[in-house]
Amino acid sequence: MVVEKKEFSVGKVVKTTLIVILVIAVVCAIIYALYRYFTPDYDDDFDDDFDDAFDDDDDLFDEEESSAVAAED
């Protein structure tokens, strides 16, 4: 029985390692892109709530100014 020894060249090992790393990176990039696509954008909700609260403050100041003008008359 003859046992053949397989010789691994350094270039083949490096090439295989780089291919595995690139495949993992591509899969991670696809998963991240899908996550970003399907995750709702909460910044819009925050901005809307902030704008609504800010607009409410403007109404409060408008009422105070109009009552001050009416008191002067």
C-alpha atoms as a PDB file:
ATOM      1  CA  MET A   1       0.000   0.000   0.000  1.00  0.00           C
ATOM      2  CA  VAL A   2       1.434   3.278  -1.119  1.00  0.00           C
ATOM      3  CA  VAL A   3       0.435   6.427   0.729  1.00  0.00           C
ATOM      4  CA  GLU A   4       0.769   9.571  -1.304  1.00  0.00           C
ATOM      5  CA  LYS A   5       1.702  12.726   0.486  1.00  0.00           C
ATOM      6  CA  LYS A   6      -0.079  15.815  -0.713  1.00  0.00           C
ATOM      7  CA  GLU A   7       2.040  18.882  -0.817  1.00  0.00           C
ATOM      8  CA  PHE A   8       0.332  22.175  -0.197  1.00  0.00           C
ATOM      9  CA  SER A   9       1.875  25.183  -1.762  1.00  0.00           C
ATOM     10  CA  VAL A  10       1.805  28.434   0.142  1.00  0.00           C
ATOM     11  CA  GLY A  11       0.127  30.234  -2.768  1.00  0.00           C
ATOM     12  CA  LYS A  12      -2.752  27.750  -2.837  1.00  0.00           C
ATOM     13  CA  VAL A  13      -3.352  28.111   0.922  1.00  0.00           C
ATOM     14  CA  VAL A  14      -3.277  31.922   0.708  1.00  0.00           C
ATOM     15  CA  LYS A  15      -5.610  31.912  -2.288  1.00  0.00           C
ATOM     16  CA  THR A  16      -8.109  29.620  -0.550  1.00  0.00           C
ATOM     17  CA  THR A  17      -7.974  31.713   2.630  1.00  0.00           C
ATOM     18  CA  LEU A  18      -8.600  34.948   0.716  1.00  0.00           C
ATOM     19  CA  ILE A  19     -11.534  33.403  -1.159  1.00  0.00           C
ATOM     20  CA  VAL A  20     -13.119  32.269   2.117  1.00  0.00           C
ATOM     21  CA  ILE A  21     -12.647  35.718   3.670  1.00  0.00           C
ATOM     22  CA  LEU A  22     -14.112  37.455   0.602  1.00  0.00           C
ATOM     23  CA  VAL A  23     -17.134  35.145   0.548  1.00  0.00           C
ATOM     24  CA  ILE A  24     -17.789  35.869   4.226  1.00  0.00           C
ATOM     25  CA  ALA A  25     -17.429  39.628   3.599  1.00  0.00           C
ATOM     26  CA  VAL A  26     -19.864  39.527   0.660  1.00  0.00           C
ATOM     27  CA  VAL A  27     -22.428  37.573   2.682  1.00  0.00           C
ATOM     28  CA  CYS A  28     -22.108  40.055   5.561  1.00  0.00           C
ATOM     29  CA  ALA A  29     -22.508  42.998   3.171  1.00  0.00           C
ATOM     30  CA  ILE A  30     -25.672  41.486   1.689  1.00  0.00           C
ATOM     31  CA  ILE A  31     -27.135  40.821   5.134  1.00  0.00           C
ATOM     32  CA  TYR A  32     -26.326  44.387   6.246  1.00  0.00           C
ATOM     33  CA  ALA A  33     -27.882  45.857   3.094  1.00  0.00           C
ATOM     34  CA  LEU A  34     -31.061  43.832   3.638  1.00  0.00           C
ATOM     35  CA  TYR A  35     -31.151  44.918   7.289  1.00  0.00           C
ATOM     36  CA  ARG A  36     -30.830  48.602   6.325  1.00  0.00           C
ATOM     37  CA  TYR A  37     -33.497  48.219   3.634  1.00  0.00           C
ATOM     38  CA  PHE A  38     -36.093  46.534   5.837  1.00  0.00           C
ATOM     39  CA  THR A  39     -35.470  48.460   9.076  1.00  0.00           C
ATOM     40  CA  PRO A  40     -37.820  51.449   9.400  1.00  0.00           C
ATOM     41  CA  ASP A  41     -36.281  54.885   9.563  1.00  0.00           C
ATOM     42  CA  TYR A  42     -37.048  56.209  13.034  1.00  0.00           C
ATOM     43  CA  ASP A  43     -35.408  59.583  12.376  1.00  0.00           C
ATOM     44  CA  ASP A  44     -38.435  60.724  10.376  1.00  0.00           C
ATOM     45  CA  ASP A  45     -40.733  59.958  13.309  1.00  0.00           C
ATOM     46  CA  PHE A  46     -38.424  61.809  15.683  1.00  0.00           C
ATOM     47  CA  ASP A  47     -38.236  64.827  13.387  1.00  0.00           C
ATOM     48  CA  ASP A  48     -42.021  64.885  13.009  1.00  0.00           C
ATOM     49  CA  ASP A  49     -42.546  64.734  16.764  1.00  0.00           C
ATOM     50  CA  PHE A  50     -39.915  67.398  17.323  1.00  0.00           C
ATOM     51  CA  ASP A  51     -41.466  69.668  14.693  1.00  0.00           C
ATOM     52  CA  ASP A  52     -44.933  69.174  16.182  1.00  0.00           C
ATOM     53  CA  ALA A  53     -43.700  70.060  19.654  1.00  0.00           C
ATOM     54  CA  PHE A  54     -41.802  73.050  18.293  1.00  0.00           C
ATOM     55  CA  ASP A  55     -44.865  74.263  16.384  1.00  0.00           C
ATOM     56  CA  ASP A  56     -46.960  73.974  19.542  1.00  0.00           C
ATOM     57  CA  ASP A  57     -44.535  76.296  21.327  1.00  0.00           C
ATOM     58  CA  ASP A  58     -44.948  78.863  18.554  1.00  0.00           C
ATOM     59  CA  ASP A  59     -48.709  78.826  19.070  1.00  0.00           C
ATOM     60  CA  LEU A  60     -48.202  79.425  22.776  1.00  0.00           C
ATOM     61  CA  PHE A  61     -46.042  82.482  22.125  1.00  0.00           C
ATOM     62  CA  ASP A  62     -48.514  83.810  19.555  1.00  0.00           C
ATOM     63  CA  GLU A  63     -51.328  83.634  22.124  1.00  0.00           C
ATOM     64  CA  GLU A  64     -49.232  85.455  24.730  1.00  0.00           C
ATOM     65  CA  GLU A  65     -48.331  88.213  22.243  1.00  0.00           C
ATOM     66  CA  SER A  66     -51.919  88.669  21.109  1.00  0.00           C
ATOM     67  CA  SER A  67     -53.178  88.867  24.700  1.00  0.00           C
ATOM     68  CA  ALA A  68     -50.450  91.419  25.524  1.00  0.00           C
ATOM     69  CA  VAL A  69     -51.448  93.534  22.497  1.00  0.00           C
ATOM     70  CA  ALA A  70     -55.116  93.305  23.471  1.00  0.00           C
ATOM     71  CA  ALA A  71     -54.271  94.393  27.045  1.00  0.00           C
ATOM     72  CA  GLU A  72     -52.462  97.475  25.737  1.00  0.00           C
ATOM     73  CA  ASP A  73     -55.526  98.631  23.801  1.00  0.00           C
END
